[in-house]
PDB file of N, CA and C in Angstrom:
ATOM      1  N   MET A   1      49.580  83.833 177.624  1.00  0.00           N
ATOM      2  CA  MET A   1      49.822  85.031 177.614  1.00  0.00           C
ATOM      3  C   MET A   1      50.245  85.794 178.994  1.00  0.00           C
ATOM      4  N   THR A   2      51.132  86.477 179.338  1.00  0.00           N
ATOM      5  CA  THR A   2      51.586  87.118 180.539  1.00  0.00           C
ATOM      6  C   THR A   2      50.209  87.715 180.982  1.00  0.00           C
ATOM      7  N   LYS A   3      50.189  87.817 182.329  1.00  0.00           N
ATOM      8  CA  LYS A   3      49.088  88.588 182.945  1.00  0.00           C
ATOM      9  C   LYS A   3      49.853  89.566 184.111  1.00  0.00           C
ATOM     10  N   ARG A   4      48.971  90.773 184.102  1.00  0.00           N
ATOM     11  CA  ARG A   4      49.727  91.806 185.023  1.00  0.00           C
ATOM     12  C   ARG A   4      48.609  92.380 185.896  1.00  0.00           C
ATOM     13  N   ARG A   5      48.508  92.498 187.239  1.00  0.00           N
ATOM     14  CA  ARG A   5      47.792  92.697 188.077  1.00  0.00           C
ATOM     15  C   ARG A   5      47.472  94.382 188.013  1.00  0.00           C
ATOM     16  N   VAL A   6      46.075  94.970 187.822  1.00  0.00           N
ATOM     17  CA  VAL A   6      45.844  96.336 187.823  1.00  0.00           C
ATOM     18  C   VAL A   6      44.598  96.599 188.578  1.00  0.00           C
ATOM     19  N   THR A   7      44.453  97.565 189.101  1.00  0.00           N
ATOM     20  CA  THR A   7      43.082  98.052 189.853  1.00  0.00           C
ATOM     21  C   THR A   7      42.291  99.353 189.217  1.00  0.00           C
ATOM     22  N   LEU A   8      41.123  98.823 188.844  1.00  0.00           N
ATOM     23  CA  LEU A   8      40.195  99.596 187.997  1.00  0.00           C
ATOM     24  C   LEU A   8      38.919  99.826 189.092  1.00  0.00           C
ATOM     25  N   SER A   9      38.558 100.948 188.875  1.00  0.00           N
ATOM     26  CA  SER A   9      37.305 101.841 189.397  1.00  0.00           C
ATOM     27  C   SER A   9      36.260 101.538 188.415  1.00  0.00           C
ATOM     28  N   LEU A  10      35.537 100.706 188.702  1.00  0.00           N
ATOM     29  CA  LEU A  10      34.272 100.526 187.902  1.00  0.00           C
ATOM     30  C   LEU A  10      32.844 100.796 188.359  1.00  0.00           C
ATOM     31  N   ASP A  11      31.832 101.176 187.540  1.00  0.00           N
ATOM     32  CA  ASP A  11      30.608 101.576 187.779  1.00  0.00           C
ATOM     33  C   ASP A  11      29.703 100.319 188.625  1.00  0.00           C
ATOM     34  N   GLN A  12      28.743 100.339 189.370  1.00  0.00           N
ATOM     35  CA  GLN A  12      28.386  99.150 190.221  1.00  0.00           C
ATOM     36  C   GLN A  12      27.404  98.258 189.117  1.00  0.00           C
ATOM     37  N   ASP A  13      27.005  99.189 188.138  1.00  0.00           N
ATOM     38  CA  ASP A  13      26.335  98.251 187.371  1.00  0.00           C
ATOM     39  C   ASP A  13      27.093  97.185 186.259  1.00  0.00           C
ATOM     40  N   VAL A  14      28.458  97.696 186.118  1.00  0.00           N
ATOM     41  CA  VAL A  14      29.246  97.036 185.181  1.00  0.00           C
ATOM     42  C   VAL A  14      29.722  95.948 186.140  1.00  0.00           C
ATOM     43  N   ILE A  15      30.203  96.183 187.421  1.00  0.00           N
ATOM     44  CA  ILE A  15      30.664  95.180 188.160  1.00  0.00           C
ATOM     45  C   ILE A  15      29.807  93.866 188.605  1.00  0.00           C
ATOM     46  N   GLU A  16      28.463  94.382 188.471  1.00  0.00           N
ATOM     47  CA  GLU A  16      27.201  93.252 188.594  1.00  0.00           C
ATOM     48  C   GLU A  16      27.134  92.843 187.257  1.00  0.00           C
ATOM     49  N   ALA A  17      27.374  93.053 186.121  1.00  0.00           N
ATOM     50  CA  ALA A  17      26.918  92.423 184.952  1.00  0.00           C
ATOM     51  C   ALA A  17      28.311  91.380 184.879  1.00  0.00           C
ATOM     52  N   LEU A  18      29.177  92.020 184.976  1.00  0.00           N
ATOM     53  CA  LEU A  18      30.706  90.979 185.048  1.00  0.00           C
ATOM     54  C   LEU A  18      30.216  89.714 185.883  1.00  0.00           C
ATOM     55  N   GLU A  19      29.802  90.242 187.377  1.00  0.00           N
ATOM     56  CA  GLU A  19      29.555  89.164 188.275  1.00  0.00           C
ATOM     57  C   GLU A  19      28.624  88.163 187.543  1.00  0.00           C
ATOM     58  N   ALA A  20      27.523  88.439 186.850  1.00  0.00           N
ATOM     59  CA  ALA A  20      26.358  87.609 186.641  1.00  0.00           C
ATOM     60  C   ALA A  20      26.778  86.633 185.248  1.00  0.00           C
ATOM     61  N   VAL A  21      28.099  86.875 184.821  1.00  0.00           N
ATOM     62  CA  VAL A  21      28.534  86.044 183.737  1.00  0.00           C
ATOM     63  C   VAL A  21      28.751  84.704 184.623  1.00  0.00           C
ATOM     64  N   SER A  22      28.279  83.662 184.386  1.00  0.00           N
ATOM     65  CA  SER A  22      28.723  82.481 185.145  1.00  0.00           C
ATOM     66  C   SER A  22      29.670  81.563 184.717  1.00  0.00           C
ATOM     67  N   GLY A  23      30.309  80.788 185.335  1.00  0.00           N
ATOM     68  CA  GLY A  23      31.246  79.773 184.904  1.00  0.00           C
ATOM     69  C   GLY A  23      32.639  80.558 184.434  1.00  0.00           C
ATOM     70  N   ARG A  24      32.919  81.954 184.438  1.00  0.00           N
ATOM     71  CA  ARG A  24      33.898  82.402 183.997  1.00  0.00           C
ATOM     72  C   ARG A  24      34.401  83.669 185.335  1.00  0.00           C
ATOM     73  N   SER A  25      35.613  83.818 185.358  1.00  0.00           N
ATOM     74  CA  SER A  25      35.997  84.734 186.633  1.00  0.00           C
ATOM     75  C   SER A  25      35.733  86.126 185.631  1.00  0.00           C
ATOM     76  N   MET A  26      35.675  86.995 186.934  1.00  0.00           N
ATOM     77  CA  MET A  26      35.561  88.375 186.384  1.00  0.00           C
ATOM     78  C   MET A  26      36.502  88.959 185.345  1.00  0.00           C
ATOM     79  N   SER A  27      37.986  88.694 185.601  1.00  0.00           N
ATOM     80  CA  SER A  27      38.990  88.968 184.909  1.00  0.00           C
ATOM     81  C   SER A  27      38.666  88.409 183.607  1.00  0.00           C
ATOM     82  N   ALA A  28      38.571  87.105 183.459  1.00  0.00           N
ATOM     83  CA  ALA A  28      38.409  86.626 182.088  1.00  0.00           C
ATOM     84  C   ALA A  28      37.222  87.182 181.041  1.00  0.00           C
ATOM     85  N   VAL A  29      36.206  87.580 182.020  1.00  0.00           N
ATOM     86  CA  VAL A  29      35.144  88.334 181.010  1.00  0.00           C
ATOM     87  C   VAL A  29      35.605  89.846 180.855  1.00  0.00           C
ATOM     88  N   ALA A  30      36.171  90.397 181.737  1.00  0.00           N
ATOM     89  CA  ALA A  30      36.756  91.969 181.420  1.00  0.00           C
ATOM     90  C   ALA A  30      37.694  92.054 180.345  1.00  0.00           C
ATOM     91  N   ASN A  31      38.279  90.744 180.576  1.00  0.00           N
ATOM     92  CA  ASN A  31      39.582  90.955 179.403  1.00  0.00           C
ATOM     93  C   ASN A  31      39.024  90.624 178.178  1.00  0.00           C
ATOM     94  N   GLU A  32      38.244  89.731 178.069  1.00  0.00           N
ATOM     95  CA  GLU A  32      37.361  89.626 176.644  1.00  0.00           C
ATOM     96  C   GLU A  32      36.804  91.055 176.371  1.00  0.00           C
ATOM     97  N   ALA A  33      36.109  91.479 176.844  1.00  0.00           N
ATOM     98  CA  ALA A  33      35.295  92.526 176.769  1.00  0.00           C
ATOM     99  C   ALA A  33      36.349  93.792 176.296  1.00  0.00           C
ATOM    100  N   LEU A  34      37.295  93.920 177.067  1.00  0.00           N
ATOM    101  CA  LEU A  34      38.090  95.061 176.636  1.00  0.00           C
ATOM    102  C   LEU A  34      38.816  94.627 175.335  1.00  0.00           C
ATOM    103  N   ARG A  35      39.316  93.534 174.921  1.00  0.00           N
ATOM    104  CA  ARG A  35      39.821  93.182 173.729  1.00  0.00           C
ATOM    105  C   ARG A  35      38.809  93.637 172.663  1.00  0.00           C
ATOM    106  N   ASP A  36      37.486  93.374 172.986  1.00  0.00           N
ATOM    107  CA  ASP A  36      36.757  93.314 172.056  1.00  0.00           C
ATOM    108  C   ASP A  36      36.300  94.886 171.703  1.00  0.00           C
ATOM    109  N   ALA A  37      36.277  95.806 172.723  1.00  0.00           N
ATOM    110  CA  ALA A  37      36.166  97.227 172.508  1.00  0.00           C
ATOM    111  C   ALA A  37      37.326  97.877 171.980  1.00  0.00           C
ATOM    112  N   LEU A  38      38.684  97.271 172.464  1.00  0.00           N
ATOM    113  CA  LEU A  38      39.957  97.739 171.720  1.00  0.00           C
ATOM    114  C   LEU A  38      39.787  97.405 170.311  1.00  0.00           C
ATOM    115  N   ALA A  39      39.429  96.327 169.899  1.00  0.00           N
ATOM    116  CA  ALA A  39      39.263  95.868 168.444  1.00  0.00           C
ATOM    117  C   ALA A  39      38.165  96.702 167.528  1.00  0.00           C
ATOM    118  N   ALA A  40      37.305  97.114 168.058  1.00  0.00           N
ATOM    119  CA  ALA A  40      36.131  97.889 167.401  1.00  0.00           C
ATOM    120  C   ALA A  40      36.728  99.106 167.343  1.00  0.00           C
ATOM    121  N   GLU A  41      37.539  99.902 168.329  1.00  0.00           N
ATOM    122  CA  GLU A  41      38.100 100.833 168.046  1.00  0.00           C
ATOM    123  C   GLU A  41      38.959 101.183 167.307  1.00  0.00           C
ATOM    124  N   ALA A  42      39.991  99.857 167.265  1.00  0.00           N
ATOM    125  CA  ALA A  42      40.788  99.973 165.919  1.00  0.00           C
ATOM    126  C   ALA A  42      40.305 100.147 164.736  1.00  0.00           C
ATOM    127  N   HIS A  43      39.226  99.178 164.522  1.00  0.00           N
ATOM    128  CA  HIS A  43      38.281  99.271 163.344  1.00  0.00           C
ATOM    129  C   HIS A  43      37.566 100.706 162.742  1.00  0.00           C
ATOM    130  N   ARG A  44      37.252 101.281 163.926  1.00  0.00           N
ATOM    131  CA  ARG A  44      36.652 102.721 163.553  1.00  0.00           C
ATOM    132  C   ARG A  44      37.694 103.660 163.357  1.00  0.00           C
ATOM    133  N   ALA A  45      38.972 103.461 163.960  1.00  0.00           N
ATOM    134  CA  ALA A  45      40.061 104.590 163.379  1.00  0.00           C
ATOM    135  C   ALA A  45      40.600 104.094 161.980  1.00  0.00           C
ATOM    136  N   ALA A  46      40.615 102.909 161.550  1.00  0.00           N
ATOM    137  CA  ALA A  46      40.886 102.569 160.303  1.00  0.00           C
ATOM    138  C   ALA A  46      39.715 102.900 159.364  1.00  0.00           C
ATOM    139  N   LEU A  47      38.619 102.953 159.739  1.00  0.00           N
ATOM    140  CA  LEU A  47      37.502 103.210 158.871  1.00  0.00           C
ATOM    141  C   LEU A  47      37.590 105.020 158.645  1.00  0.00           C
ATOM    142  N   ARG A  48      37.742 105.626 159.650  1.00  0.00           N
ATOM    143  CA  ARG A  48      38.084 107.014 159.643  1.00  0.00           C
ATOM    144  C   ARG A  48      39.137 107.597 158.857  1.00  0.00           C
ATOM    145  N   GLU A  49      40.250 106.725 158.817  1.00  0.00           N
ATOM    146  CA  GLU A  49      41.461 107.050 157.978  1.00  0.00           C
ATOM    147  C   GLU A  49      41.199 106.841 156.524  1.00  0.00           C
ATOM    148  N   TRP A  50      40.383 105.871 156.068  1.00  0.00           N
ATOM    149  CA  TRP A  50      39.972 105.503 154.786  1.00  0.00           C
ATOM    150  C   TRP A  50      39.133 106.332 154.271  1.00  0.00           C
ATOM    151  N   LEU A  51      38.142 106.885 155.285  1.00  0.00           N
ATOM    152  CA  LEU A  51      37.144 107.729 154.770  1.00  0.00           C
ATOM    153  C   LEU A  51      37.935 109.212 154.446  1.00  0.00           C
ATOM    154  N   ASP A  52      38.938 109.684 155.355  1.00  0.00           N
ATOM    155  CA  ASP A  52      39.664 110.739 155.253  1.00  0.00           C
ATOM    156  C   ASP A  52      40.596 110.718 153.737  1.00  0.00           C
ATOM    157  N   GLU A  53      41.022 109.421 153.384  1.00  0.00           N
ATOM    158  CA  GLU A  53      41.641 109.111 152.154  1.00  0.00           C
ATOM    159  C   GLU A  53      40.822 109.355 151.053  1.00  0.00           C
ATOM    160  N   LEU A  54      39.459 108.892 151.096  1.00  0.00           N
ATOM    161  CA  LEU A  54      38.398 109.213 150.099  1.00  0.00           C
ATOM    162  C   LEU A  54      38.191 110.599 150.077  1.00  0.00           C
ATOM    163  N   ASP A  55      38.113 111.341 150.859  1.00  0.00           N
ATOM    164  CA  ASP A  55      37.718 112.810 151.033  1.00  0.00           C
ATOM    165  C   ASP A  55      39.070 113.203 150.091  1.00  0.00           C
ATOM    166  N   GLU A  56      40.031 112.921 150.526  1.00  0.00           N
ATOM    167  CA  GLU A  56      41.213 113.773 149.998  1.00  0.00           C
ATOM    168  C   GLU A  56      41.212 113.243 148.335  1.00  0.00           C
ATOM    169  N   LYS A  57      40.912 112.106 147.810  1.00  0.00           N
ATOM    170  CA  LYS A  57      40.918 111.782 146.404  1.00  0.00           C
ATOM    171  C   LYS A  57      39.796 111.824 145.802  1.00  0.00           C
ATOM    172  N   TYR A  58      38.450 112.137 146.324  1.00  0.00           N
ATOM    173  CA  TYR A  58      37.147 112.603 145.671  1.00  0.00           C
ATOM    174  C   TYR A  58      36.947 113.707 146.266  1.00  0.00           C
ATOM    175  N   GLY A  59      37.011 114.361 147.273  1.00  0.00           N
ATOM    176  CA  GLY A  59      36.467 115.660 147.747  1.00  0.00           C
ATOM    177  C   GLY A  59      35.541 114.983 148.474  1.00  0.00           C
ATOM    178  N   ALA A  60      35.111 115.843 149.882  1.00  0.00           N
ATOM    179  CA  ALA A  60      33.994 115.486 150.757  1.00  0.00           C
ATOM    180  C   ALA A  60      32.649 115.378 150.011  1.00  0.00           C
ATOM    181  N   PRO A  61      31.721 114.428 150.554  1.00  0.00           N
ATOM    182  CA  PRO A  61      30.561 114.413 150.077  1.00  0.00           C
ATOM    183  C   PRO A  61      29.553 115.576 150.315  1.00  0.00           C
ATOM    184  N   SER A  62      28.734 115.907 149.094  1.00  0.00           N
ATOM    185  CA  SER A  62      27.749 117.057 148.908  1.00  0.00           C
ATOM    186  C   SER A  62      26.826 116.760 149.942  1.00  0.00           C
ATOM    187  N   PRO A  63      26.034 117.984 150.523  1.00  0.00           N
ATOM    188  CA  PRO A  63      24.618 117.642 151.349  1.00  0.00           C
ATOM    189  C   PRO A  63      23.709 116.870 150.748  1.00  0.00           C
ATOM    190  N   GLU A  64      23.625 116.588 149.394  1.00  0.00           N
ATOM    191  CA  GLU A  64      22.703 115.933 148.761  1.00  0.00           C
ATOM    192  C   GLU A  64      23.118 114.634 148.693  1.00  0.00           C
ATOM    193  N   GLN A  65      24.593 114.246 148.750  1.00  0.00           N
ATOM    194  CA  GLN A  65      25.055 112.900 148.943  1.00  0.00           C
ATOM    195  C   GLN A  65      24.758 112.283 150.359  1.00  0.00           C
ATOM    196  N   PHE A  66      24.938 113.434 151.292  1.00  0.00           N
ATOM    197  CA  PHE A  66      24.940 112.871 152.667  1.00  0.00           C
ATOM    198  C   PHE A  66      23.463 112.662 152.978  1.00  0.00           C
ATOM    199  N   ALA A  67      22.475 113.504 152.495  1.00  0.00           N
ATOM    200  CA  ALA A  67      21.107 113.092 152.355  1.00  0.00           C
ATOM    201  C   ALA A  67      20.384 111.939 151.986  1.00  0.00           C
ATOM    202  N   ALA A  68      21.094 111.570 150.676  1.00  0.00           N
ATOM    203  CA  ALA A  68      20.969 110.165 150.014  1.00  0.00           C
ATOM    204  C   ALA A  68      21.457 109.029 151.052  1.00  0.00           C
ATOM    205  N   ALA A  69      22.401 109.030 151.685  1.00  0.00           N
ATOM    206  CA  ALA A  69      23.152 108.133 152.348  1.00  0.00           C
ATOM    207  C   ALA A  69      22.213 108.037 153.564  1.00  0.00           C
ATOM    208  N   ASP A  70      21.636 109.188 154.273  1.00  0.00           N
ATOM    209  CA  ASP A  70      20.837 108.954 155.462  1.00  0.00           C
ATOM    210  C   ASP A  70      19.509 108.387 155.068  1.00  0.00           C
ATOM    211  N   ALA A  71      19.118 108.633 153.832  1.00  0.00           N
ATOM    212  CA  ALA A  71      17.832 108.087 153.437  1.00  0.00           C
ATOM    213  C   ALA A  71      17.908 106.392 153.395  1.00  0.00           C
ATOM    214  N   LEU A  72      18.888 106.192 152.646  1.00  0.00           N
ATOM    215  CA  LEU A  72      19.497 104.679 152.289  1.00  0.00           C
ATOM    216  C   LEU A  72      19.651 104.137 153.851  1.00  0.00           C
ATOM    217  N   LEU A  73      20.368 104.515 154.824  1.00  0.00           N
ATOM    218  CA  LEU A  73      20.432 103.952 155.987  1.00  0.00           C
ATOM    219  C   LEU A  73      19.219 103.501 157.045  1.00  0.00           C
ATOM    220  N   LYS A  74      18.206 104.608 156.712  1.00  0.00           N
ATOM    221  CA  LYS A  74      17.393 104.685 157.380  1.00  0.00           C
ATOM    222  C   LYS A  74      15.998 103.509 156.797  1.00  0.00           C
ATOM    223  N   VAL A  75      16.192 103.144 155.626  1.00  0.00           N
ATOM    224  CA  VAL A  75      15.631 102.195 155.040  1.00  0.00           C
ATOM    225  C   VAL A  75      16.227 100.694 155.444  1.00  0.00           C
ATOM    226  N   VAL A  76      17.533 100.820 155.551  1.00  0.00           N
ATOM    227  CA  VAL A  76      18.134  99.560 155.948  1.00  0.00           C
ATOM    228  C   VAL A  76      17.944  99.167 157.365  1.00  0.00           C
ATOM    229  N   GLN A  77      17.906 100.096 158.191  1.00  0.00           N
ATOM    230  CA  GLN A  77      17.735 100.080 159.707  1.00  0.00           C
ATOM    231  C   GLN A  77      16.232  99.591 159.683  1.00  0.00           C
ATOM    232  N   ARG A  78      15.134 100.137 159.380  1.00  0.00           N
ATOM    233  CA  ARG A  78      13.803  99.762 159.095  1.00  0.00           C
ATOM    234  C   ARG A  78      13.812  98.432 158.847  1.00  0.00           C
ATOM    235  N   GLY A  79      14.438  97.940 157.919  1.00  0.00           N
ATOM    236  CA  GLY A  79      14.608  96.587 157.228  1.00  0.00           C
ATOM    237  C   GLY A  79      14.803  95.610 158.410  1.00  0.00           C
ATOM    238  N   ASN A  80      16.075  96.243 159.186  1.00  0.00           N
ATOM    239  CA  ASN A  80      16.491  95.113 160.166  1.00  0.00           C
ATOM    240  C   ASN A  80      15.435  95.114 161.294  1.00  0.00           C
ATOM    241  N   ALA A  81      14.726  96.078 161.517  1.00  0.00           N
ATOM    242  CA  ALA A  81      13.918  96.600 162.537  1.00  0.00           C
ATOM    243  C   ALA A  81      12.891  95.329 162.185  1.00  0.00           C
ATOM    244  N   ASP A  82      12.150  95.486 161.167  1.00  0.00           N
ATOM    245  CA  ASP A  82      11.190  94.649 160.464  1.00  0.00           C
ATOM    246  C   ASP A  82      11.430  93.080 160.575  1.00  0.00           C
ATOM    247  N   ALA A  83      12.591  92.646 160.283  1.00  0.00           N
ATOM    248  CA  ALA A  83      13.186  91.281 160.396  1.00  0.00           C
ATOM    249  C   ALA A  83      13.323  90.890 161.541  1.00  0.00           C
ATOM    250  N   THR A  84      13.758  91.673 162.398  1.00  0.00           N
ATOM    251  CA  THR A  84      14.000  91.307 163.834  1.00  0.00           C
ATOM    252  C   THR A  84      12.623  91.200 164.711  1.00  0.00           C
ATOM    253  N   SER A  85      11.486  91.992 164.194  1.00  0.00           N
ATOM    254  CA  SER A  85      10.305  91.887 165.119  1.00  0.00           C
ATOM    255  C   SER A  85       9.631  90.667 164.098  1.00  0.00           C
ATOM    256  N   ALA A  86       9.855  90.224 162.885  1.00  0.00           N
ATOM    257  CA  ALA A  86       8.990  89.015 162.544  1.00  0.00           C
ATOM    258  C   ALA A  86       9.707  87.727 163.021  1.00  0.00           C
ATOM    259  N   ALA A  87      10.966  87.888 163.396  1.00  0.00           N
ATOM    260  CA  ALA A  87      11.533  86.435 164.112  1.00  0.00           C
ATOM    261  C   ALA A  87      10.877  86.013 165.138  1.00  0.00           C
TER     262      ALA A  87
END
């Protein structure tokens, strides 16, 4: 893939983290991190669009449905924390 030189101003801790990745150039590490971040943002945008479509089709969730979803999320997160601490 074609490369193009650009100048970025980065926080010192980010520079130190990039420099700490041994065996790879700072450019390679930064390029991979930016690709991952862009892919994650594209995924979030697609998810938001899908949720908007569901809202249009079925209506927005009620406060009760939001509360049930929050409760379920807390159980799942707690389960993940328990599984992580048990390992």
